[in-house]
Structures are given as structure tokens and as C-alpha cells.
Amino acid sequence: MDHPELGLVGAALATVIARLVGTLLLMNYIRKTEVIAFRKDFWRPDLEHQLELVNLGSPAAIERLVMRAGQIVYFGFIVVLGTNTFAAHQIAGNLEVFSYMLAYGFATAATILVGRNIGAGDHETAKEYARLSTFMAMGFMSLFGVVLFFFGGWAGSLFTDNPQVIKDIDVALKIAAVFQPFLAVVLVLTGGFQGANNTKFPMYLTTIGMWVIRTGAVYVLAIQMQMGIAGVWIAIGLDIVFKAIVLWIQFSRGRWIVVESEPQKPCHPKTKHEDVRCINNY
């Protein structure tokens, strides 16, 4: 019995179903491990903590929105270069995303460890964790960069048999390979900054990098100078290097931690789950 293909609709449905299942499994894990106790008072509005979450979470959310909005603009520039170039860009991006998984792992570790030590008032240990996470990510992503440089074209051939597209994929991934260590710095230190209560600086930096450097450079290099996909990925690399240098300078100067103006009140919960701020007491 033949079944009609759903095409893009099928891909969208599969994505939604996968995310829904993942959410349900995560909620079940949280419930079983009692990381969060879903008691009646859990749902009670807590204005103080909600405002704190908004203050810390909004800049990070805006940063992601700024990034996506900028991508829409420079994707439009890439489309102007032709469908083959856009296809090569998309495939190369899907291959490079594996390196992001490496960095996000270390970024998550940095955010958690930095946040815990900042909360304990141990800024030096927090800085050491951020530095170590960054160096480890740079090492692993540099190795992955070597793989991209030498095997990017071969990996691209698994997705298409168009010789020009494969050639463009190879060019894009060779350029991306050079910037892998800088990308590690950006992703991990951004996590470190966020763990140190500093979510606004990465937002400002992303805005400048995306709208001034990346989008502008894509237009100049890829379209005006007719460098094609090489211009696109060099522009992306320039944005990454800019953000990596600025983040590292701020980090090295000790200007990456936002300390609360008022000291936190002593936390003496009656139960283990009464206040998440007391988690380090157990």
C-alpha cells in the first residue's frame, strides 16, 4: 500500500514529536529524581524570583533573537549568489554543527560550575573553571577542525552528487576549520559569562558582531567582491574572531562577573527543595 509523502510537513511533524517526547522524558526524570518537588506551593507566583529570572534570562533570549534575525538577512545575501551556493552553505553548516555539540557540552559545564562558585563567593575558582573549560573545548574543537579540513568535501558528497556544490562545501569547511578554536572561546566563555550573572554583555557583543561584522562582511566579501561562498564563511569567521577576542579580554581583566548589589540573605530551608538557592548546602 502506497503512502503519500508529507515532505516538509512530515519533517516539521517529526521535529515537533521528537521535541515533545524529549520534554516528557525530561519532566519524568525531574519528577523521579526530585530535583524539583512539584508540590502545590511550587506553582505559587514568586515575584522576587520571577523578576530575577526575567532580568537574567531576557538578555540571553534577546541574544538568540538577534542572532536569528541576522541570519535571515545574510541568508538572503547568500540566496542571491545562487541555489547551489545556498545548498552548499546549508550542508556545510549541518556538518559543522557537530563541533557546536562539543562546545555546548563544555559551555554547559562552565555555566554550572561558574555559577556555583560565584554563588559561593569563590571568584578565583570560578575563573579557573571557565579558563579550563575553554582550553579543553579549544583542544577538542581544533581536532575536529582537522577532520573538517581534510574530510569536509568527502562528507559533503554524502548529501549531493553535484560537483560544484561539493567543491563549495569543501571550501566552506576548510575555512570553518581554521576558526574552530575561536568558536570554542566564544561558546564556552559566553556560558561562563552567563553563569557569572553577566547575560547582557554577550547580548551586546552578539548584536554588534552579527549586524555590523558578519552581515556587513557577507555583503562586501561575497557579493561586492564576488568571493562567493568563501566570502560568506570568511565573514562568519571574522565575526567569531572578533567576539572571541573581546570576550577573552573582558575575562582576563576580570570584568565578566556581575556581583549582586545586596548580599543574599542566609538560607535556612525547612526541606531540601524549599529554595533552590540553598542547593549548595546539601
C-alpha atoms as a PDB file:
ATOM      1  CA  MET A   1       0.000   0.000   0.000  1.00  0.00           C
ATOM      2  CA  ASP A   2       1.462   3.328  -1.067  1.00  0.00           C
ATOM      3  CA  HIS A   3       1.585   6.169   1.444  1.00  0.00           C
ATOM      4  CA  PRO A   4       1.755   9.789   0.253  1.00  0.00           C
ATOM      5  CA  GLU A   5       4.925  11.652   1.151  1.00  0.00           C
ATOM      6  CA  LEU A   6       4.434  14.558   3.541  1.00  0.00           C
ATOM      7  CA  GLY A   7       7.597  16.412   2.512  1.00  0.00           C
ATOM      8  CA  LEU A   8       8.298  19.497   4.606  1.00  0.00           C
ATOM      9  CA  VAL A   9       5.145  18.931   6.651  1.00  0.00           C
ATOM     10  CA  GLY A  10       6.435  15.486   7.604  1.00  0.00           C
ATOM     11  CA  ALA A  11       9.801  16.902   8.611  1.00  0.00           C
ATOM     12  CA  ALA A  12       8.088  19.540  10.751  1.00  0.00           C
ATOM     13  CA  LEU A  13       5.824  16.967  12.409  1.00  0.00           C
ATOM     14  CA  ALA A  14       8.775  14.697  13.137  1.00  0.00           C
ATOM     15  CA  THR A  15      10.632  17.610  14.760  1.00  0.00           C
ATOM     16  CA  VAL A  16       7.649  18.556  16.947  1.00  0.00           C
ATOM     17  CA  ILE A  17       7.063  14.942  18.005  1.00  0.00           C
ATOM     18  CA  ALA A  18      10.743  14.459  18.885  1.00  0.00           C
ATOM     19  CA  ARG A  19      10.800  17.619  20.994  1.00  0.00           C
ATOM     20  CA  LEU A  20       7.536  16.704  22.719  1.00  0.00           C
ATOM     21  CA  VAL A  21       8.832  13.242  23.616  1.00  0.00           C
ATOM     22  CA  GLY A  22      12.097  14.751  24.850  1.00  0.00           C
ATOM     23  CA  THR A  23      10.209  17.227  27.036  1.00  0.00           C
ATOM     24  CA  LEU A  24       8.039  14.500  28.556  1.00  0.00           C
ATOM     25  CA  LEU A  25      11.054  12.300  29.278  1.00  0.00           C
ATOM     26  CA  LEU A  26      12.888  15.220  30.900  1.00  0.00           C
ATOM     27  CA  MET A  27       9.888  16.118  33.071  1.00  0.00           C
ATOM     28  CA  ASN A  28       9.595  12.486  34.127  1.00  0.00           C
ATOM     29  CA  TYR A  29      13.291  12.374  35.022  1.00  0.00           C
ATOM     30  CA  ILE A  30      12.992  15.553  37.086  1.00  0.00           C
ATOM     31  CA  ARG A  31       9.973  14.170  38.913  1.00  0.00           C
ATOM     32  CA  LYS A  32      11.664  10.861  39.727  1.00  0.00           C
ATOM     33  CA  THR A  33      14.972  12.341  40.867  1.00  0.00           C
ATOM     34  CA  GLU A  34      13.200  15.051  42.903  1.00  0.00           C
ATOM     35  CA  VAL A  35      15.424  17.785  41.509  1.00  0.00           C
ATOM     36  CA  ILE A  36      12.276  19.885  41.694  1.00  0.00           C
ATOM     37  CA  ALA A  37       9.446  18.983  44.026  1.00  0.00           C
ATOM     38  CA  PHE A  38       6.165  19.548  42.188  1.00  0.00           C
ATOM     39  CA  ARG A  39       4.155  20.370  45.286  1.00  0.00           C
ATOM     40  CA  LYS A  40       1.213  22.743  45.331  1.00  0.00           C
ATOM     41  CA  ASP A  41       3.389  25.627  46.517  1.00  0.00           C
ATOM     42  CA  PHE A  42       5.704  25.035  43.546  1.00  0.00           C
ATOM     43  CA  TRP A  43       3.149  26.743  41.277  1.00  0.00           C
ATOM     44  CA  ARG A  44       2.613  29.685  43.622  1.00  0.00           C
ATOM     45  CA  PRO A  45       3.730  33.001  41.991  1.00  0.00           C
ATOM     46  CA  ASP A  46       7.055  34.211  43.398  1.00  0.00           C
ATOM     47  CA  LEU A  47       7.513  37.767  42.157  1.00  0.00           C
ATOM     48  CA  GLU A  48      11.036  38.215  43.544  1.00  0.00           C
ATOM     49  CA  HIS A  49      12.460  35.154  41.849  1.00  0.00           C
ATOM     50  CA  GLN A  50      10.426  35.722  38.685  1.00  0.00           C
ATOM     51  CA  LEU A  51      11.863  39.216  38.291  1.00  0.00           C
ATOM     52  CA  GLU A  52      15.346  37.827  38.868  1.00  0.00           C
ATOM     53  CA  LEU A  53      14.797  35.200  36.174  1.00  0.00           C
ATOM     54  CA  VAL A  54      13.479  37.824  33.751  1.00  0.00           C
ATOM     55  CA  ASN A  55      16.472  40.062  34.465  1.00  0.00           C
ATOM     56  CA  LEU A  56      18.942  37.268  33.780  1.00  0.00           C
ATOM     57  CA  GLY A  57      17.041  35.390  31.074  1.00  0.00           C
ATOM     58  CA  SER A  58      15.813  38.242  28.886  1.00  0.00           C
ATOM     59  CA  PRO A  59      19.259  39.311  27.575  1.00  0.00           C
ATOM     60  CA  ALA A  60      20.108  35.702  26.710  1.00  0.00           C
ATOM     61  CA  ALA A  61      16.774  35.327  24.905  1.00  0.00           C
ATOM     62  CA  ILE A  62      17.270  38.608  23.043  1.00  0.00           C
ATOM     63  CA  GLU A  63      20.761  37.475  22.048  1.00  0.00           C
ATOM     64  CA  ARG A  64      19.294  34.391  20.356  1.00  0.00           C
ATOM     65  CA  LEU A  65      16.624  36.502  18.634  1.00  0.00           C
ATOM     66  CA  VAL A  66      19.251  38.944  17.371  1.00  0.00           C
ATOM     67  CA  MET A  67      21.293  36.038  16.050  1.00  0.00           C
ATOM     68  CA  ARG A  68      18.337  34.502  14.193  1.00  0.00           C
ATOM     69  CA  ALA A  69      17.223  37.838  12.770  1.00  0.00           C
ATOM     70  CA  GLY A  70      20.722  38.490  11.467  1.00  0.00           C
ATOM     71  CA  GLN A  71      20.821  35.035   9.906  1.00  0.00           C
ATOM     72  CA  ILE A  72      17.661  35.811   7.956  1.00  0.00           C
ATOM     73  CA  VAL A  73      19.328  38.892   6.478  1.00  0.00           C
ATOM     74  CA  TYR A  74      22.630  37.339   5.462  1.00  0.00           C
ATOM     75  CA  PHE A  75      20.869  34.184   4.270  1.00  0.00           C
ATOM     76  CA  GLY A  76      19.124  36.498   1.833  1.00  0.00           C
ATOM     77  CA  PHE A  77      22.536  37.632   0.574  1.00  0.00           C
ATOM     78  CA  ILE A  78      23.569  34.001   0.118  1.00  0.00           C
ATOM     79  CA  VAL A  79      20.422  33.216  -1.889  1.00  0.00           C
ATOM     80  CA  VAL A  80      21.436  35.990  -4.291  1.00  0.00           C
ATOM     81  CA  LEU A  81      24.609  34.010  -5.015  1.00  0.00           C
ATOM     82  CA  GLY A  82      22.543  31.135  -6.393  1.00  0.00           C
ATOM     83  CA  THR A  83      20.801  27.973  -5.279  1.00  0.00           C
ATOM     84  CA  ASN A  84      23.969  25.866  -5.494  1.00  0.00           C
ATOM     85  CA  THR A  85      25.822  28.231  -3.169  1.00  0.00           C
ATOM     86  CA  PHE A  86      22.937  28.300  -0.707  1.00  0.00           C
ATOM     87  CA  ALA A  87      22.676  24.492  -0.781  1.00  0.00           C
ATOM     88  CA  ALA A  88      26.422  24.190  -0.147  1.00  0.00           C
ATOM     89  CA  HIS A  89      26.176  26.677   2.735  1.00  0.00           C
ATOM     90  CA  GLN A  90      23.346  24.754   4.367  1.00  0.00           C
ATOM     91  CA  ILE A  91      25.054  21.384   4.029  1.00  0.00           C
ATOM     92  CA  ALA A  92      28.357  22.771   5.335  1.00  0.00           C
ATOM     93  CA  GLY A  93      26.519  24.295   8.294  1.00  0.00           C
ATOM     94  CA  ASN A  94      24.852  20.976   9.078  1.00  0.00           C
ATOM     95  CA  LEU A  95      28.249  19.281   9.097  1.00  0.00           C
ATOM     96  CA  GLU A  96      29.948  21.961  11.169  1.00  0.00           C
ATOM     97  CA  VAL A  97      27.172  21.797  13.780  1.00  0.00           C
ATOM     98  CA  PHE A  98      28.809  18.684  15.221  1.00  0.00           C
ATOM     99  CA  SER A  99      31.610  20.890  16.521  1.00  0.00           C
ATOM    100  CA  TYR A 100      28.989  23.041  18.271  1.00  0.00           C
ATOM    101  CA  MET A 101      27.886  19.962  20.207  1.00  0.00           C
ATOM    102  CA  LEU A 102      31.402  19.646  21.608  1.00  0.00           C
ATOM    103  CA  ALA A 103      31.500  23.301  22.633  1.00  0.00           C
ATOM    104  CA  TYR A 104      27.992  23.306  24.103  1.00  0.00           C
ATOM    105  CA  GLY A 105      28.971  20.438  26.388  1.00  0.00           C
ATOM    106  CA  PHE A 106      31.862  22.416  27.842  1.00  0.00           C
ATOM    107  CA  ALA A 107      29.781  25.613  27.851  1.00  0.00           C
ATOM    108  CA  THR A 108      27.123  23.895  29.957  1.00  0.00           C
ATOM    109  CA  ALA A 109      29.765  22.654  32.376  1.00  0.00           C
ATOM    110  CA  ALA A 110      31.274  26.140  32.585  1.00  0.00           C
ATOM    111  CA  THR A 111      27.885  27.758  33.246  1.00  0.00           C
ATOM    112  CA  ILE A 112      27.069  25.343  36.077  1.00  0.00           C
ATOM    113  CA  LEU A 113      30.486  25.337  37.740  1.00  0.00           C
ATOM    114  CA  VAL A 114      30.995  29.080  37.398  1.00  0.00           C
ATOM    115  CA  GLY A 115      27.528  29.807  38.752  1.00  0.00           C
ATOM    116  CA  ARG A 116      28.017  27.522  41.736  1.00  0.00           C
ATOM    117  CA  ASN A 117      31.346  29.064  42.681  1.00  0.00           C
ATOM    118  CA  ILE A 118      30.167  32.632  42.092  1.00  0.00           C
ATOM    119  CA  GLY A 119      27.260  31.892  44.422  1.00  0.00           C
ATOM    120  CA  ALA A 120      29.734  30.610  46.997  1.00  0.00           C
ATOM    121  CA  GLY A 121      31.817  33.779  46.641  1.00  0.00           C
ATOM    122  CA  ASP A 122      34.838  31.915  45.230  1.00  0.00           C
ATOM    123  CA  HIS A 123      35.582  34.011  42.150  1.00  0.00           C
ATOM    124  CA  GLU A 124      39.061  32.625  41.568  1.00  0.00           C
ATOM    125  CA  THR A 125      37.832  29.034  41.355  1.00  0.00           C
ATOM    126  CA  ALA A 126      35.026  30.178  39.056  1.00  0.00           C
ATOM    127  CA  LYS A 127      37.575  31.827  36.774  1.00  0.00           C
ATOM    128  CA  GLU A 128      39.736  28.714  36.763  1.00  0.00           C
ATOM    129  CA  TYR A 129      36.779  26.532  35.771  1.00  0.00           C
ATOM    130  CA  ALA A 130      35.891  28.931  32.936  1.00  0.00           C
ATOM    131  CA  ARG A 131      39.502  29.006  31.731  1.00  0.00           C
ATOM    132  CA  LEU A 132      39.895  25.221  31.900  1.00  0.00           C
ATOM    133  CA  SER A 133      36.589  24.593  30.103  1.00  0.00           C
ATOM    134  CA  THR A 134      37.630  26.999  27.357  1.00  0.00           C
ATOM    135  CA  PHE A 135      41.034  25.390  26.820  1.00  0.00           C
ATOM    136  CA  MET A 136      39.563  21.876  26.771  1.00  0.00           C
ATOM    137  CA  ALA A 137      36.934  22.925  24.227  1.00  0.00           C
ATOM    138  CA  MET A 138      39.620  24.579  22.094  1.00  0.00           C
ATOM    139  CA  GLY A 139      41.595  21.340  22.082  1.00  0.00           C
ATOM    140  CA  PHE A 140      38.701  19.091  21.071  1.00  0.00           C
ATOM    141  CA  MET A 141      37.352  21.533  18.501  1.00  0.00           C
ATOM    142  CA  SER A 142      40.794  22.001  16.963  1.00  0.00           C
ATOM    143  CA  LEU A 143      40.952  18.248  16.423  1.00  0.00           C
ATOM    144  CA  PHE A 144      37.501  18.337  14.873  1.00  0.00           C
ATOM    145  CA  GLY A 145      38.699  21.224  12.712  1.00  0.00           C
ATOM    146  CA  VAL A 146      41.380  18.952  11.285  1.00  0.00           C
ATOM    147  CA  VAL A 147      38.659  16.458  10.329  1.00  0.00           C
ATOM    148  CA  LEU A 148      36.620  19.209   8.677  1.00  0.00           C
ATOM    149  CA  PHE A 149      39.648  20.485   6.762  1.00  0.00           C
ATOM    150  CA  PHE A 150      40.648  17.152   5.255  1.00  0.00           C
ATOM    151  CA  PHE A 151      37.335  15.298   5.005  1.00  0.00           C
ATOM    152  CA  GLY A 152      34.767  18.088   4.572  1.00  0.00           C
ATOM    153  CA  GLY A 153      34.442  17.588   0.827  1.00  0.00           C
ATOM    154  CA  TRP A 154      34.024  13.835   1.232  1.00  0.00           C
ATOM    155  CA  ALA A 155      31.335  14.339   3.878  1.00  0.00           C
ATOM    156  CA  GLY A 156      29.564  16.785   1.576  1.00  0.00           C
ATOM    157  CA  SER A 157      29.470  14.181  -1.175  1.00  0.00           C
ATOM    158  CA  LEU A 158      27.215  12.073   1.050  1.00  0.00           C
ATOM    159  CA  PHE A 159      24.497  14.721   0.668  1.00  0.00           C
ATOM    160  CA  THR A 160      24.784  15.621  -3.018  1.00  0.00           C
ATOM    161  CA  ASP A 161      26.357  14.483  -6.271  1.00  0.00           C
ATOM    162  CA  ASN A 162      26.644  17.989  -7.721  1.00  0.00           C
ATOM    163  CA  PRO A 163      30.392  18.619  -8.264  1.00  0.00           C
ATOM    164  CA  GLN A 164      30.123  22.400  -7.777  1.00  0.00           C
ATOM    165  CA  VAL A 165      28.156  22.050  -4.560  1.00  0.00           C
ATOM    166  CA  ILE A 166      30.667  19.517  -3.219  1.00  0.00           C
ATOM    167  CA  LYS A 167      33.516  21.873  -4.102  1.00  0.00           C
ATOM    168  CA  ASP A 168      31.798  24.767  -2.309  1.00  0.00           C
ATOM    169  CA  ILE A 169      31.167  22.598   0.757  1.00  0.00           C
ATOM    170  CA  ASP A 170      34.846  21.695   0.851  1.00  0.00           C
ATOM    171  CA  VAL A 171      35.865  25.367   0.614  1.00  0.00           C
ATOM    172  CA  ALA A 172      33.415  26.380   3.358  1.00  0.00           C
ATOM    173  CA  LEU A 173      34.524  23.666   5.775  1.00  0.00           C
ATOM    174  CA  LYS A 174      38.220  24.332   5.206  1.00  0.00           C
ATOM    175  CA  ILE A 175      37.602  27.953   6.218  1.00  0.00           C
ATOM    176  CA  ALA A 176      35.432  26.868   9.152  1.00  0.00           C
ATOM    177  CA  ALA A 177      38.191  24.535  10.342  1.00  0.00           C
ATOM    178  CA  VAL A 178      40.583  27.471  10.806  1.00  0.00           C
ATOM    179  CA  PHE A 179      38.156  29.255  13.130  1.00  0.00           C
ATOM    180  CA  GLN A 180      37.241  26.295  15.354  1.00  0.00           C
ATOM    181  CA  PRO A 181      39.466  27.327  18.315  1.00  0.00           C
ATOM    182  CA  PHE A 182      37.976  30.828  18.264  1.00  0.00           C
ATOM    183  CA  LEU A 183      34.467  29.375  18.122  1.00  0.00           C
ATOM    184  CA  ALA A 184      35.269  27.348  21.238  1.00  0.00           C
ATOM    185  CA  VAL A 185      36.240  30.540  23.073  1.00  0.00           C
ATOM    186  CA  VAL A 186      33.015  32.284  22.053  1.00  0.00           C
ATOM    187  CA  LEU A 187      30.642  29.486  23.018  1.00  0.00           C
ATOM    188  CA  VAL A 188      32.293  28.443  26.281  1.00  0.00           C
ATOM    189  CA  LEU A 189      33.059  31.912  27.604  1.00  0.00           C
ATOM    190  CA  THR A 190      29.519  33.006  26.750  1.00  0.00           C
ATOM    191  CA  GLY A 191      28.350  30.197  29.025  1.00  0.00           C
ATOM    192  CA  GLY A 192      30.840  31.327  31.655  1.00  0.00           C
ATOM    193  CA  PHE A 193      29.609  34.910  31.476  1.00  0.00           C
ATOM    194  CA  GLN A 194      26.023  33.753  31.850  1.00  0.00           C
ATOM    195  CA  GLY A 195      26.969  31.636  34.849  1.00  0.00           C
ATOM    196  CA  ALA A 196      28.549  34.759  36.360  1.00  0.00           C
ATOM    197  CA  ASN A 197      25.210  36.642  36.103  1.00  0.00           C
ATOM    198  CA  ASN A 198      26.513  38.604  33.103  1.00  0.00           C
ATOM    199  CA  THR A 199      23.982  37.969  30.343  1.00  0.00           C
ATOM    200  CA  LYS A 200      23.897  41.500  28.941  1.00  0.00           C
ATOM    201  CA  PHE A 201      27.476  41.726  27.671  1.00  0.00           C
ATOM    202  CA  PRO A 202      27.165  38.657  25.377  1.00  0.00           C
ATOM    203  CA  MET A 203      23.911  40.142  24.069  1.00  0.00           C
ATOM    204  CA  TYR A 204      25.575  43.442  23.145  1.00  0.00           C
ATOM    205  CA  LEU A 205      28.526  41.604  21.623  1.00  0.00           C
ATOM    206  CA  THR A 206      26.320  39.321  19.535  1.00  0.00           C
ATOM    207  CA  THR A 207      24.347  42.314  18.256  1.00  0.00           C
ATOM    208  CA  ILE A 208      27.486  44.125  17.098  1.00  0.00           C
ATOM    209  CA  GLY A 209      29.102  41.002  15.697  1.00  0.00           C
ATOM    210  CA  MET A 210      26.049  39.822  13.802  1.00  0.00           C
ATOM    211  CA  TRP A 211      24.753  43.105  12.391  1.00  0.00           C
ATOM    212  CA  VAL A 212      27.962  45.072  11.885  1.00  0.00           C
ATOM    213  CA  ILE A 213      30.637  42.485  11.167  1.00  0.00           C
ATOM    214  CA  ARG A 214      29.014  39.281   9.900  1.00  0.00           C
ATOM    215  CA  THR A 215      26.151  40.700   7.842  1.00  0.00           C
ATOM    216  CA  GLY A 216      28.245  43.599   6.552  1.00  0.00           C
ATOM    217  CA  ALA A 217      31.195  41.389   5.668  1.00  0.00           C
ATOM    218  CA  VAL A 218      28.989  38.847   3.880  1.00  0.00           C
ATOM    219  CA  TYR A 219      27.644  41.640   1.676  1.00  0.00           C
ATOM    220  CA  VAL A 220      31.084  43.126   0.963  1.00  0.00           C
ATOM    221  CA  LEU A 221      33.089  39.909   0.519  1.00  0.00           C
ATOM    222  CA  ALA A 222      30.533  37.553  -1.019  1.00  0.00           C
ATOM    223  CA  ILE A 223      28.560  39.968  -3.194  1.00  0.00           C
ATOM    224  CA  GLN A 224      30.577  43.135  -3.829  1.00  0.00           C
ATOM    225  CA  MET A 225      33.949  41.361  -4.113  1.00  0.00           C
ATOM    226  CA  GLN A 226      32.318  38.283  -5.691  1.00  0.00           C
ATOM    227  CA  MET A 227      34.134  35.801  -3.440  1.00  0.00           C
ATOM    228  CA  GLY A 228      31.089  33.534  -3.303  1.00  0.00           C
ATOM    229  CA  ILE A 229      30.817  31.009  -0.515  1.00  0.00           C
ATOM    230  CA  ALA A 230      34.418  31.687   0.554  1.00  0.00           C
ATOM    231  CA  GLY A 231      33.415  35.276   1.301  1.00  0.00           C
ATOM    232  CA  VAL A 232      30.427  34.084   3.334  1.00  0.00           C
ATOM    233  CA  TRP A 233      32.467  31.815   5.572  1.00  0.00           C
ATOM    234  CA  ILE A 234      35.327  34.267   5.945  1.00  0.00           C
ATOM    235  CA  ALA A 235      32.738  36.820   7.115  1.00  0.00           C
ATOM    236  CA  ILE A 236      31.392  34.337   9.646  1.00  0.00           C
ATOM    237  CA  GLY A 237      34.955  33.673  10.807  1.00  0.00           C
ATOM    238  CA  LEU A 238      35.676  37.396  11.243  1.00  0.00           C
ATOM    239  CA  ASP A 239      32.611  37.710  13.471  1.00  0.00           C
ATOM    240  CA  ILE A 240      33.746  34.724  15.544  1.00  0.00           C
ATOM    241  CA  VAL A 241      37.293  36.063  15.953  1.00  0.00           C
ATOM    242  CA  PHE A 242      36.003  39.498  16.967  1.00  0.00           C
ATOM    243  CA  LYS A 243      33.756  38.056  19.670  1.00  0.00           C
ATOM    244  CA  ALA A 244      36.424  35.638  20.895  1.00  0.00           C
ATOM    245  CA  ILE A 245      38.987  38.439  21.345  1.00  0.00           C
ATOM    246  CA  VAL A 246      36.569  40.769  23.125  1.00  0.00           C
ATOM    247  CA  LEU A 247      35.267  38.030  25.441  1.00  0.00           C
ATOM    248  CA  TRP A 248      38.783  36.914  26.329  1.00  0.00           C
ATOM    249  CA  ILE A 249      39.910  40.484  27.066  1.00  0.00           C
ATOM    250  CA  GLN A 250      36.929  41.049  29.362  1.00  0.00           C
ATOM    251  CA  PHE A 251      37.514  37.700  31.010  1.00  0.00           C
ATOM    252  CA  SER A 252      41.245  38.302  31.523  1.00  0.00           C
ATOM    253  CA  ARG A 253      40.601  41.744  33.026  1.00  0.00           C
ATOM    254  CA  GLY A 254      38.121  40.316  35.496  1.00  0.00           C
ATOM    255  CA  ARG A 255      35.217  42.277  34.016  1.00  0.00           C
ATOM    256  CA  TRP A 256      32.981  39.290  33.439  1.00  0.00           C
ATOM    257  CA  ILE A 257      31.302  38.811  36.822  1.00  0.00           C
ATOM    258  CA  VAL A 258      28.200  40.718  37.869  1.00  0.00           C
ATOM    259  CA  VAL A 259      28.001  40.768  41.653  1.00  0.00           C
ATOM    260  CA  GLU A 260      24.660  41.350  43.308  1.00  0.00           C
ATOM    261  CA  SER A 261      24.402  44.764  44.944  1.00  0.00           C
ATOM    262  CA  GLU A 262      22.882  43.305  48.070  1.00  0.00           C
ATOM    263  CA  PRO A 263      24.227  40.234  49.838  1.00  0.00           C
ATOM    264  CA  GLN A 264      21.947  37.258  49.776  1.00  0.00           C
ATOM    265  CA  LYS A 265      20.077  36.503  52.941  1.00  0.00           C
ATOM    266  CA  PRO A 266      21.125  33.376  54.831  1.00  0.00           C
ATOM    267  CA  CYS A 267      19.186  30.431  53.551  1.00  0.00           C
ATOM    268  CA  HIS A 268      17.730  28.041  56.106  1.00  0.00           C
ATOM    269  CA  PRO A 269      15.175  25.874  54.320  1.00  0.00           C
ATOM    270  CA  LYS A 270      12.921  23.533  56.227  1.00  0.00           C
ATOM    271  CA  THR A 271      13.112  20.982  53.415  1.00  0.00           C
ATOM    272  CA  LYS A 272      15.742  20.124  50.855  1.00  0.00           C
ATOM    273  CA  HIS A 273      13.670  21.540  47.997  1.00  0.00           C
ATOM    274  CA  GLU A 274      12.227  24.652  49.610  1.00  0.00           C
ATOM    275  CA  ASP A 275      14.657  27.120  47.998  1.00  0.00           C
ATOM    276  CA  VAL A 276      16.859  26.311  45.012  1.00  0.00           C
ATOM    277  CA  ARG A 277      19.351  28.884  46.269  1.00  0.00           C
ATOM    278  CA  CYS A 278      20.156  26.529  49.134  1.00  0.00           C
ATOM    279  CA  ILE A 279      21.094  23.651  46.866  1.00  0.00           C
ATOM    280  CA  ASN A 280      24.799  24.037  47.711  1.00  0.00           C
ATOM    281  CA  ASN A 281      24.093  23.462  51.383  1.00  0.00           C
ATOM    282  CA  TYR A 282      23.419  19.800  50.742  1.00  0.00           C
END
